[in-house]
Full PDB file with SEQRES, HELIX, SHEET, SSBOND, CRYST1, ORIGX, SCALE, CONECT and MASTER records, all heavy atoms in Angstrom:
SEQRES   1 A   38  VAL ARG GLU LEU CYS THR GLU ALA VAL PHE GLU ARG GLY          
SEQRES   2 A   38  GLU ASP TYR LEU ASP ASP GLY ARG ILE SER GLN LEU SER          
SEQRES   3 A   38  ARG PHE GLY ASP THR VAL THR ALA GLY VAL VAL GLY              
HELIX    1 AA1 ARG A    2  LEU A    4  5                                   3    
HELIX    2 AA2 GLU A    7  ASP A   18  1                                  12    
SHEET    1 AA1 2 ILE A  22  PHE A  28  0                                        
SHEET    2 AA1 2 THR A  31  VAL A  36 -1                                        
CRYST1    1.000    1.000    1.000  90.00  90.00  90.00 P 1           1          
ORIGX1      1.000000  0.000000  0.000000        0.00000                         
ORIGX2      0.000000  1.000000  0.000000        0.00000                         
ORIGX3      0.000000  0.000000  1.000000        0.00000                         
SCALE1      1.000000  0.000000  0.000000        0.00000                         
SCALE2      0.000000  1.000000  0.000000        0.00000                         
SCALE3      0.000000  0.000000  1.000000        0.00000                         
ATOM      1  N   VAL A   1       0.846  -1.198   0.000  1.00  0.00           N  
ATOM      2  CA  VAL A   1       0.000   0.000   0.000  1.00  0.00           C  
ATOM      3  C   VAL A   1       0.881   1.247   0.000  1.00  0.00           C  
ATOM      4  O   VAL A   1       0.632   2.192  -0.753  1.00  0.00           O  
ATOM      5  CB  VAL A   1      -0.969   0.006   1.200  1.00  0.00           C  
ATOM      6  CG1 VAL A   1      -1.811   1.272   1.203  1.00  0.00           C  
ATOM      7  CG2 VAL A   1      -1.860  -1.234   1.190  1.00  0.00           C  
ATOM      8  N   ARG A   2       1.919   1.268   0.814  1.00  0.00           N  
ATOM      9  CA  ARG A   2       2.821   2.435   0.885  1.00  0.00           C  
ATOM     10  C   ARG A   2       3.460   2.739  -0.468  1.00  0.00           C  
ATOM     11  O   ARG A   2       3.689   3.898  -0.805  1.00  0.00           O  
ATOM     12  CB  ARG A   2       3.926   2.201   1.906  1.00  0.00           C  
ATOM     13  CG  ARG A   2       3.496   2.424   3.322  1.00  0.00           C  
ATOM     14  CD  ARG A   2       4.719   2.312   4.253  1.00  0.00           C  
ATOM     15  NE  ARG A   2       4.336   2.468   5.623  1.00  0.00           N  
ATOM     16  CZ  ARG A   2       4.154   3.617   6.246  1.00  0.00           C  
ATOM     17  NH1 ARG A   2       4.311   4.756   5.587  1.00  0.00           N  
ATOM     18  NH2 ARG A   2       3.808   3.661   7.514  1.00  0.00           N  
ATOM     19  N   GLU A   3       3.732   1.695  -1.244  1.00  0.00           N  
ATOM     20  CA  GLU A   3       4.377   1.886  -2.550  1.00  0.00           C  
ATOM     21  C   GLU A   3       3.441   2.516  -3.574  1.00  0.00           C  
ATOM     22  O   GLU A   3       3.904   3.023  -4.598  1.00  0.00           O  
ATOM     23  CB  GLU A   3       4.899   0.552  -3.076  1.00  0.00           C  
ATOM     24  CG  GLU A   3       6.060   0.014  -2.273  1.00  0.00           C  
ATOM     25  CD  GLU A   3       6.470  -1.380  -2.691  1.00  0.00           C  
ATOM     26  OE1 GLU A   3       5.948  -1.902  -3.702  1.00  0.00           O  
ATOM     27  OE2 GLU A   3       7.321  -1.970  -2.000  1.00  0.00           O  
ATOM     28  N   LEU A   4       2.142   2.503  -3.313  1.00  0.00           N  
ATOM     29  CA  LEU A   4       1.161   3.008  -4.274  1.00  0.00           C  
ATOM     30  C   LEU A   4       0.865   4.494  -4.123  1.00  0.00           C  
ATOM     31  O   LEU A   4       0.109   5.049  -4.927  1.00  0.00           O  
ATOM     32  CB  LEU A   4      -0.153   2.231  -4.133  1.00  0.00           C  
ATOM     33  CG  LEU A   4      -0.113   0.761  -4.501  1.00  0.00           C  
ATOM     34  CD1 LEU A   4      -1.438   0.107  -4.172  1.00  0.00           C  
ATOM     35  CD2 LEU A   4       0.222   0.595  -5.976  1.00  0.00           C  
ATOM     36  N   CYS A   5       1.406   5.142  -3.094  1.00  0.00           N  
ATOM     37  CA  CYS A   5       1.010   6.527  -2.821  1.00  0.00           C  
ATOM     38  C   CYS A   5       2.146   7.295  -2.148  1.00  0.00           C  
ATOM     39  O   CYS A   5       3.152   6.718  -1.763  1.00  0.00           O  
ATOM     40  CB  CYS A   5      -0.230   6.545  -1.924  1.00  0.00           C  
ATOM     41  SG  CYS A   5       0.044   5.766  -0.317  1.00  0.00           S  
ATOM     42  N   THR A   6       1.912   8.582  -1.992  1.00  0.00           N  
ATOM     43  CA  THR A   6       2.863   9.405  -1.258  1.00  0.00           C  
ATOM     44  C   THR A   6       2.677   9.175   0.245  1.00  0.00           C  
ATOM     45  O   THR A   6       1.639   8.647   0.678  1.00  0.00           O  
ATOM     46  CB  THR A   6       2.655  10.900  -1.567  1.00  0.00           C  
ATOM     47  OG1 THR A   6       1.383  11.297  -1.060  1.00  0.00           O  
ATOM     48  CG2 THR A   6       2.748  11.190  -3.060  1.00  0.00           C  
ATOM     49  N   GLU A   7       3.610   9.597   1.032  1.00  0.00           N  
ATOM     50  CA  GLU A   7       3.511   9.433   2.484  1.00  0.00           C  
ATOM     51  C   GLU A   7       2.334  10.227   3.052  1.00  0.00           C  
ATOM     52  O   GLU A   7       1.617   9.757   3.928  1.00  0.00           O  
ATOM     53  CB  GLU A   7       4.814   9.852   3.176  1.00  0.00           C  
ATOM     54  CG  GLU A   7       4.841   9.562   4.661  1.00  0.00           C  
ATOM     55  CD  GLU A   7       4.680   8.089   5.029  1.00  0.00           C  
ATOM     56  OE1 GLU A   7       5.110   7.212   4.256  1.00  0.00           O  
ATOM     57  OE2 GLU A   7       4.107   7.811   6.112  1.00  0.00           O  
ATOM     58  N   ALA A   8       2.125  11.429   2.543  1.00  0.00           N  
ATOM     59  CA  ALA A   8       1.005  12.252   3.027  1.00  0.00           C  
ATOM     60  C   ALA A   8      -0.334  11.581   2.727  1.00  0.00           C  
ATOM     61  O   ALA A   8      -1.233  11.561   3.574  1.00  0.00           O  
ATOM     62  CB  ALA A   8       1.054  13.640   2.388  1.00  0.00           C  
ATOM     63  N   VAL A   9      -0.472  11.020   1.537  1.00  0.00           N  
ATOM     64  CA  VAL A   9      -1.714  10.330   1.175  1.00  0.00           C  
ATOM     65  C   VAL A   9      -1.883   9.074   2.029  1.00  0.00           C  
ATOM     66  O   VAL A   9      -2.988   8.764   2.473  1.00  0.00           O  
ATOM     67  CB  VAL A   9      -1.745  10.002  -0.336  1.00  0.00           C  
ATOM     68  CG1 VAL A   9      -2.890   9.066  -0.678  1.00  0.00           C  
ATOM     69  CG2 VAL A   9      -1.842  11.283  -1.153  1.00  0.00           C  
ATOM     70  N   PHE A  10      -0.791   8.359   2.290  1.00  0.00           N  
ATOM     71  CA  PHE A  10      -0.870   7.176   3.141  1.00  0.00           C  
ATOM     72  C   PHE A  10      -1.414   7.550   4.526  1.00  0.00           C  
ATOM     73  O   PHE A  10      -2.309   6.889   5.051  1.00  0.00           O  
ATOM     74  CB  PHE A  10       0.510   6.513   3.274  1.00  0.00           C  
ATOM     75  CG  PHE A  10       0.481   5.247   4.070  1.00  0.00           C  
ATOM     76  CD1 PHE A  10       0.161   4.039   3.477  1.00  0.00           C  
ATOM     77  CD2 PHE A  10       0.774   5.262   5.425  1.00  0.00           C  
ATOM     78  CE1 PHE A  10       0.117   2.865   4.213  1.00  0.00           C  
ATOM     79  CE2 PHE A  10       0.735   4.094   6.179  1.00  0.00           C  
ATOM     80  CZ  PHE A  10       0.410   2.900   5.566  1.00  0.00           C  
ATOM     81  N   GLU A  11      -0.889   8.619   5.094  1.00  0.00           N  
ATOM     82  CA  GLU A  11      -1.350   9.063   6.418  1.00  0.00           C  
ATOM     83  C   GLU A  11      -2.823   9.466   6.398  1.00  0.00           C  
ATOM     84  O   GLU A  11      -3.568   9.144   7.318  1.00  0.00           O  
ATOM     85  CB  GLU A  11      -0.475  10.218   6.912  1.00  0.00           C  
ATOM     86  CG  GLU A  11       0.924   9.773   7.271  1.00  0.00           C  
ATOM     87  CD  GLU A  11       1.865  10.910   7.593  1.00  0.00           C  
ATOM     88  OE1 GLU A  11       1.404  12.074   7.701  1.00  0.00           O  
ATOM     89  OE2 GLU A  11       3.080  10.649   7.729  1.00  0.00           O  
ATOM     90  N   ARG A  12      -3.262  10.141   5.343  1.00  0.00           N  
ATOM     91  CA  ARG A  12      -4.678  10.520   5.225  1.00  0.00           C  
ATOM     92  C   ARG A  12      -5.544   9.270   5.068  1.00  0.00           C  
ATOM     93  O   ARG A  12      -6.633   9.196   5.621  1.00  0.00           O  
ATOM     94  CB  ARG A  12      -4.886  11.473   4.044  1.00  0.00           C  
ATOM     95  CG  ARG A  12      -4.261  12.826   4.241  1.00  0.00           C  
ATOM     96  CD  ARG A  12      -4.935  13.654   5.312  1.00  0.00           C  
ATOM     97  NE  ARG A  12      -6.265  14.018   4.882  1.00  0.00           N  
ATOM     98  CZ  ARG A  12      -7.334  14.090   5.665  1.00  0.00           C  
ATOM     99  NH1 ARG A  12      -7.226  13.835   6.944  1.00  0.00           N  
ATOM    100  NH2 ARG A  12      -8.497  14.421   5.185  1.00  0.00           N  
ATOM    101  N   GLY A  13      -5.059   8.294   4.323  1.00  0.00           N  
ATOM    102  CA  GLY A  13      -5.786   7.042   4.174  1.00  0.00           C  
ATOM    103  C   GLY A  13      -5.942   6.332   5.511  1.00  0.00           C  
ATOM    104  O   GLY A  13      -7.009   5.793   5.825  1.00  0.00           O  
ATOM    105  N   GLU A  14      -4.879   6.350   6.322  1.00  0.00           N  
ATOM    106  CA  GLU A  14      -4.966   5.771   7.674  1.00  0.00           C  
ATOM    107  C   GLU A  14      -6.031   6.496   8.496  1.00  0.00           C  
ATOM    108  O   GLU A  14      -6.809   5.857   9.205  1.00  0.00           O  
ATOM    109  CB  GLU A  14      -3.614   5.880   8.397  1.00  0.00           C  
ATOM    110  CG  GLU A  14      -2.573   4.917   7.918  1.00  0.00           C  
ATOM    111  CD  GLU A  14      -1.278   5.081   8.699  1.00  0.00           C  
ATOM    112  OE1 GLU A  14      -0.785   6.228   8.847  1.00  0.00           O  
ATOM    113  OE2 GLU A  14      -0.757   4.055   9.167  1.00  0.00           O  
ATOM    114  N   ASP A  15      -6.049   7.830   8.391  1.00  0.00           N  
ATOM    115  CA  ASP A  15      -7.052   8.622   9.116  1.00  0.00           C  
ATOM    116  C   ASP A  15      -8.464   8.257   8.664  1.00  0.00           C  
ATOM    117  O   ASP A  15      -9.365   8.098   9.489  1.00  0.00           O  
ATOM    118  CB  ASP A  15      -6.829  10.119   8.906  1.00  0.00           C  
ATOM    119  CG  ASP A  15      -5.567  10.641   9.578  1.00  0.00           C  
ATOM    120  OD1 ASP A  15      -5.028   9.944  10.473  1.00  0.00           O  
ATOM    121  OD2 ASP A  15      -5.119  11.739   9.203  1.00  0.00           O  
ATOM    122  N   TYR A  16      -8.660   8.117   7.359  1.00  0.00           N  
ATOM    123  CA  TYR A  16      -9.982   7.757   6.839  1.00  0.00           C  
ATOM    124  C   TYR A  16     -10.413   6.389   7.352  1.00  0.00           C  
ATOM    125  O   TYR A  16     -11.573   6.202   7.718  1.00  0.00           O  
ATOM    126  CB  TYR A  16      -9.979   7.787   5.304  1.00  0.00           C  
ATOM    127  CG  TYR A  16     -10.364   9.126   4.731  1.00  0.00           C  
ATOM    128  CD1 TYR A  16      -9.753  10.303   5.155  1.00  0.00           C  
ATOM    129  CD2 TYR A  16     -11.344   9.220   3.765  1.00  0.00           C  
ATOM    130  CE1 TYR A  16     -10.113  11.519   4.639  1.00  0.00           C  
ATOM    131  CE2 TYR A  16     -11.711  10.450   3.231  1.00  0.00           C  
ATOM    132  CZ  TYR A  16     -11.097  11.590   3.668  1.00  0.00           C  
ATOM    133  OH  TYR A  16     -11.478  12.804   3.160  1.00  0.00           O  
ATOM    134  N   LEU A  17      -9.502   5.448   7.388  1.00  0.00           N  
ATOM    135  CA  LEU A  17      -9.816   4.121   7.921  1.00  0.00           C  
ATOM    136  C   LEU A  17     -10.171   4.220   9.398  1.00  0.00           C  
ATOM    137  O   LEU A  17     -11.206   3.698   9.841  1.00  0.00           O  
ATOM    138  CB  LEU A  17      -8.642   3.164   7.714  1.00  0.00           C  
ATOM    139  CG  LEU A  17      -8.811   1.772   8.292  1.00  0.00           C  
ATOM    140  CD1 LEU A  17      -9.980   1.031   7.645  1.00  0.00           C  
ATOM    141  CD2 LEU A  17      -7.522   0.978   8.125  1.00  0.00           C  
ATOM    142  N   ASP A  18      -9.341   4.907  10.172  1.00  0.00           N  
ATOM    143  CA  ASP A  18      -9.570   5.041  11.616  1.00  0.00           C  
ATOM    144  C   ASP A  18     -10.865   5.783  11.931  1.00  0.00           C  
ATOM    145  O   ASP A  18     -11.509   5.502  12.945  1.00  0.00           O  
ATOM    146  CB  ASP A  18      -8.390   5.764  12.285  1.00  0.00           C  
ATOM    147  CG  ASP A  18      -7.107   4.961  12.257  1.00  0.00           C  
ATOM    148  OD1 ASP A  18      -7.162   3.728  12.029  1.00  0.00           O  
ATOM    149  OD2 ASP A  18      -6.036   5.564  12.454  1.00  0.00           O  
ATOM    150  N   ASP A  19     -11.255   6.722  11.061  1.00  0.00           N  
ATOM    151  CA  ASP A  19     -12.474   7.501  11.271  1.00  0.00           C  
ATOM    152  C   ASP A  19     -13.736   6.759  10.826  1.00  0.00           C  
ATOM    153  O   ASP A  19     -14.835   7.293  10.942  1.00  0.00           O  
ATOM    154  CB  ASP A  19     -12.401   8.837  10.518  1.00  0.00           C  
ATOM    155  CG  ASP A  19     -11.372   9.795  11.113  1.00  0.00           C  
ATOM    156  OD1 ASP A  19     -10.904   9.555  12.240  1.00  0.00           O  
ATOM    157  OD2 ASP A  19     -11.032  10.787  10.424  1.00  0.00           O  
ATOM    158  N   GLY A  20     -13.572   5.562  10.283  1.00  0.00           N  
ATOM    159  CA  GLY A  20     -14.733   4.783   9.854  1.00  0.00           C  
ATOM    160  C   GLY A  20     -15.415   5.332   8.614  1.00  0.00           C  
ATOM    161  O   GLY A  20     -16.632   5.243   8.481  1.00  0.00           O  
ATOM    162  N   ARG A  21     -14.662   5.888   7.690  1.00  0.00           N  
ATOM    163  CA  ARG A  21     -15.247   6.517   6.502  1.00  0.00           C  
ATOM    164  C   ARG A  21     -15.595   5.527   5.389  1.00  0.00           C  
ATOM    165  O   ARG A  21     -16.186   5.917   4.380  1.00  0.00           O  
ATOM    166  CB  ARG A  21     -14.322   7.594   5.973  1.00  0.00           C  
ATOM    167  CG  ARG A  21     -14.238   8.785   6.909  1.00  0.00           C  
ATOM    168  CD  ARG A  21     -13.287   9.811   6.337  1.00  0.00           C  
ATOM    169  NE  ARG A  21     -13.199  10.981   7.163  1.00  0.00           N  
ATOM    170  CZ  ARG A  21     -13.670  12.169   6.798  1.00  0.00           C  
ATOM    171  NH1 ARG A  21     -14.271  12.329   5.648  1.00  0.00           N  
ATOM    172  NH2 ARG A  21     -13.528  13.199   7.591  1.00  0.00           N  
ATOM    173  N   ILE A  22     -15.238   4.250   5.547  1.00  0.00           N  
ATOM    174  CA  ILE A  22     -15.617   3.261   4.546  1.00  0.00           C  
ATOM    175  C   ILE A  22     -17.065   2.873   4.822  1.00  0.00           C  
ATOM    176  O   ILE A  22     -17.377   2.296   5.856  1.00  0.00           O  
ATOM    177  CB  ILE A  22     -14.689   2.028   4.596  1.00  0.00           C  
ATOM    178  CG1 ILE A  22     -13.244   2.450   4.308  1.00  0.00           C  
ATOM    179  CG2 ILE A  22     -15.171   0.961   3.609  1.00  0.00           C  
ATOM    180  CD1 ILE A  22     -12.219   1.364   4.544  1.00  0.00           C  
ATOM    181  N   SER A  23     -17.939   3.229   3.878  1.00  0.00           N  
ATOM    182  CA  SER A  23     -19.375   3.040   4.109  1.00  0.00           C  
ATOM    183  C   SER A  23     -19.901   1.733   3.531  1.00  0.00           C  
ATOM    184  O   SER A  23     -20.958   1.267   3.928  1.00  0.00           O  
ATOM    185  CB  SER A  23     -20.157   4.213   3.507  1.00  0.00           C  
ATOM    186  OG  SER A  23     -19.941   4.286   2.112  1.00  0.00           O  
ATOM    187  N   GLN A  24     -19.200   1.149   2.620  1.00  0.00           N  
ATOM    188  CA  GLN A  24     -19.625  -0.085   1.969  1.00  0.00           C  
ATOM    189  C   GLN A  24     -18.390  -0.786   1.459  1.00  0.00           C  
ATOM    190  O   GLN A  24     -17.459  -0.146   0.978  1.00  0.00           O  
ATOM    191  CB  GLN A  24     -20.590   0.257   0.821  1.00  0.00           C  
ATOM    192  CG  GLN A  24     -21.039  -0.899  -0.043  1.00  0.00           C  
ATOM    193  CD  GLN A  24     -20.128  -1.166  -1.225  1.00  0.00           C  
ATOM    194  OE1 GLN A  24     -19.508  -0.270  -1.773  1.00  0.00           O  
ATOM    195  NE2 GLN A  24     -20.013  -2.417  -1.603  1.00  0.00           N  
ATOM    196  N   LEU A  25     -18.354  -2.118   1.586  1.00  0.00           N  
ATOM    197  CA  LEU A  25     -17.211  -2.889   1.109  1.00  0.00           C  
ATOM    198  C   LEU A  25     -17.702  -4.259   0.690  1.00  0.00           C  
ATOM    199  O   LEU A  25     -18.342  -4.967   1.479  1.00  0.00           O  
ATOM    200  CB  LEU A  25     -16.169  -3.016   2.223  1.00  0.00           C  
ATOM    201  CG  LEU A  25     -14.862  -3.721   1.887  1.00  0.00           C  
ATOM    202  CD1 LEU A  25     -14.050  -2.888   0.893  1.00  0.00           C  
ATOM    203  CD2 LEU A  25     -14.045  -3.947   3.142  1.00  0.00           C  
ATOM    204  N   SER A  26     -17.447  -4.627  -0.563  1.00  0.00           N  
ATOM    205  CA  SER A  26     -17.850  -5.931  -1.085  1.00  0.00           C  
ATOM    206  C   SER A  26     -16.710  -6.518  -1.893  1.00  0.00           C  
ATOM    207  O   SER A  26     -15.954  -5.783  -2.542  1.00  0.00           O  
ATOM    208  CB  SER A  26     -19.074  -5.806  -1.998  1.00  0.00           C  
ATOM    209  OG  SER A  26     -20.165  -5.276  -1.301  1.00  0.00           O  
ATOM    210  N   ARG A  27     -16.624  -7.844  -1.858  1.00  0.00           N  
ATOM    211  CA  ARG A  27     -15.586  -8.535  -2.625  1.00  0.00           C  
ATOM    212  C   ARG A  27     -16.234  -9.608  -3.484  1.00  0.00           C  
ATOM    213  O   ARG A  27     -17.038 -10.403  -2.999  1.00  0.00           O  
ATOM    214  CB  ARG A  27     -14.583  -9.176  -1.680  1.00  0.00           C  
ATOM    215  CG  ARG A  27     -13.547 -10.003  -2.396  1.00  0.00           C  
ATOM    216  CD  ARG A  27     -12.568 -10.624  -1.423  1.00  0.00           C  
ATOM    217  NE  ARG A  27     -11.882 -11.712  -2.077  1.00  0.00           N  
ATOM    218  CZ  ARG A  27     -11.559 -12.844  -1.517  1.00  0.00           C  
ATOM    219  NH1 ARG A  27     -11.841 -13.050  -0.251  1.00  0.00           N  
ATOM    220  NH2 ARG A  27     -10.950 -13.773  -2.190  1.00  0.00           N  
ATOM    221  N   PHE A  28     -15.891  -9.592  -4.765  1.00  0.00           N  
ATOM    222  CA  PHE A  28     -16.343 -10.595  -5.718  1.00  0.00           C  
ATOM    223  C   PHE A  28     -15.099 -11.135  -6.400  1.00  0.00           C  
ATOM    224  O   PHE A  28     -14.567 -10.486  -7.300  1.00  0.00           O  
ATOM    225  CB  PHE A  28     -17.315  -9.994  -6.731  1.00  0.00           C  
ATOM    226  CG  PHE A  28     -18.540  -9.414  -6.072  1.00  0.00           C  
ATOM    227  CD1 PHE A  28     -18.586  -8.080  -5.708  1.00  0.00           C  
ATOM    228  CD2 PHE A  28     -19.630 -10.222  -5.798  1.00  0.00           C  
ATOM    229  CE1 PHE A  28     -19.704  -7.551  -5.086  1.00  0.00           C  
ATOM    230  CE2 PHE A  28     -20.753  -9.701  -5.178  1.00  0.00           C  
ATOM    231  CZ  PHE A  28     -20.793  -8.372  -4.816  1.00  0.00           C  
ATOM    232  N   GLY A  29     -14.610 -12.289  -5.940  1.00  0.00           N  
ATOM    233  CA  GLY A  29     -13.347 -12.818  -6.442  1.00  0.00           C  
ATOM    234  C   GLY A  29     -12.216 -11.901  -6.029  1.00  0.00           C  
ATOM    235  O   GLY A  29     -12.054 -11.591  -4.851  1.00  0.00           O  
ATOM    236  N   ASP A  30     -11.459 -11.433  -7.020  1.00  0.00           N  
ATOM    237  CA  ASP A  30     -10.337 -10.534  -6.746  1.00  0.00           C  
ATOM    238  C   ASP A  30     -10.699  -9.060  -6.913  1.00  0.00           C  
ATOM    239  O   ASP A  30      -9.828  -8.204  -6.878  1.00  0.00           O  
ATOM    240  CB  ASP A  30      -9.161 -10.863  -7.656  1.00  0.00           C  
ATOM    241  CG  ASP A  30      -8.514 -12.188  -7.304  1.00  0.00           C  
ATOM    242  OD1 ASP A  30      -8.432 -12.501  -6.105  1.00  0.00           O  
ATOM    243  OD2 ASP A  30      -8.102 -12.913  -8.232  1.00  0.00           O  
ATOM    244  N   THR A  31     -11.991  -8.784  -7.115  1.00  0.00           N  
ATOM    245  CA  THR A  31     -12.447  -7.402  -7.284  1.00  0.00           C  
ATOM    246  C   THR A  31     -13.159  -6.928  -6.025  1.00  0.00           C  
ATOM    247  O   THR A  31     -14.045  -7.608  -5.515  1.00  0.00           O  
ATOM    248  CB  THR A  31     -13.397  -7.293  -8.491  1.00  0.00           C  
ATOM    249  OG1 THR A  31     -12.718  -7.759  -9.660  1.00  0.00           O  
ATOM    250  CG2 THR A  31     -13.842  -5.855  -8.700  1.00  0.00           C  
ATOM    251  N   VAL A  32     -12.744  -5.768  -5.542  1.00  0.00           N  
ATOM    252  CA  VAL A  32     -13.347  -5.168  -4.357  1.00  0.00           C  
ATOM    253  C   VAL A  32     -14.002  -3.857  -4.782  1.00  0.00           C  
ATOM    254  O   VAL A  32     -13.391  -3.053  -5.494  1.00  0.00           O  
ATOM    255  CB  VAL A  32     -12.285  -4.903  -3.276  1.00  0.00           C  
ATOM    256  CG1 VAL A  32     -12.868  -4.122  -2.114  1.00  0.00           C  
ATOM    257  CG2 VAL A  32     -11.672  -6.212  -2.797  1.00  0.00           C  
ATOM    258  N   THR A  33     -15.247  -3.668  -4.372  1.00  0.00           N  
ATOM    259  CA  THR A  33     -15.922  -2.391  -4.576  1.00  0.00           C  
ATOM    260  C   THR A  33     -16.172  -1.789  -3.200  1.00  0.00           C  
ATOM    261  O   THR A  33     -16.366  -2.514  -2.224  1.00  0.00           O  
ATOM    262  CB  THR A  33     -17.257  -2.547  -5.334  1.00  0.00           C  
ATOM    263  OG1 THR A  33     -18.115  -3.404  -4.596  1.00  0.00           O  
ATOM    264  CG2 THR A  33     -17.034  -3.090  -6.728  1.00  0.00           C  
ATOM    265  N   ALA A  34     -16.145  -0.477  -3.151  1.00  0.00           N  
ATOM    266  CA  ALA A  34     -16.314   0.184  -1.854  1.00  0.00           C  
ATOM    267  C   ALA A  34     -16.883   1.576  -2.042  1.00  0.00           C  
ATOM    268  O   ALA A  34     -16.788   2.168  -3.119  1.00  0.00           O  
ATOM    269  CB  ALA A  34     -14.969   0.268  -1.132  1.00  0.00           C  
ATOM    270  N   GLY A  35     -17.450   2.075  -0.976  1.00  0.00           N  
ATOM    271  CA  GLY A  35     -17.868   3.459  -0.882  1.00  0.00           C  
ATOM    272  C   GLY A  35     -17.104   4.086   0.266  1.00  0.00           C  
ATOM    273  O   GLY A  35     -16.958   3.479   1.327  1.00  0.00           O  
ATOM    274  N   VAL A  36     -16.573   5.258   0.033  1.00  0.00           N  
ATOM    275  CA  VAL A  36     -15.820   5.973   1.064  1.00  0.00           C  
ATOM    276  C   VAL A  36     -16.358   7.391   1.125  1.00  0.00           C  
ATOM    277  O   VAL A  36     -16.533   8.049   0.099  1.00  0.00           O  
ATOM    278  CB  VAL A  36     -14.305   5.994   0.758  1.00  0.00           C  
ATOM    279  CG1 VAL A  36     -13.547   6.771   1.816  1.00  0.00           C  
ATOM    280  CG2 VAL A  36     -13.754   4.574   0.652  1.00  0.00           C  
ATOM    281  N   VAL A  37     -16.624   7.861   2.336  1.00  0.00           N  
ATOM    282  CA  VAL A  37     -17.156   9.201   2.518  1.00  0.00           C  
ATOM    283  C   VAL A  37     -16.004  10.168   2.755  1.00  0.00           C  
ATOM    284  O   VAL A  37     -15.268  10.052   3.729  1.00  0.00           O  
ATOM    285  CB  VAL A  37     -18.154   9.242   3.697  1.00  0.00           C  
ATOM    286  CG1 VAL A  37     -18.675  10.647   3.894  1.00  0.00           C  
ATOM    287  CG2 VAL A  37     -19.287   8.256   3.473  1.00  0.00           C  
ATOM    288  N   GLY A  38     -15.864  11.102   1.833  1.00  0.00           N  
ATOM    289  CA  GLY A  38     -14.894  12.186   1.968  1.00  0.00           C  
ATOM    290  C   GLY A  38     -15.677  13.474   2.090  1.00  0.00           C  
ATOM    291  O   GLY A  38     -16.618  13.563   2.875  1.00  0.00           O  
TER     292      GLY A  38                                                      
MASTER        0    0    0    2    2    0    0    6  291    1    0    3          
END                                                                             
């Protein structure tokens, strides 16, 4: 995950996860769909 983004974006992503901003998450095989509230 760290390799896919800048350090600042990684930290914001951690904040979004910790704040419970993922509103929907589904997995179909290797495909994941999600809703995130920004």
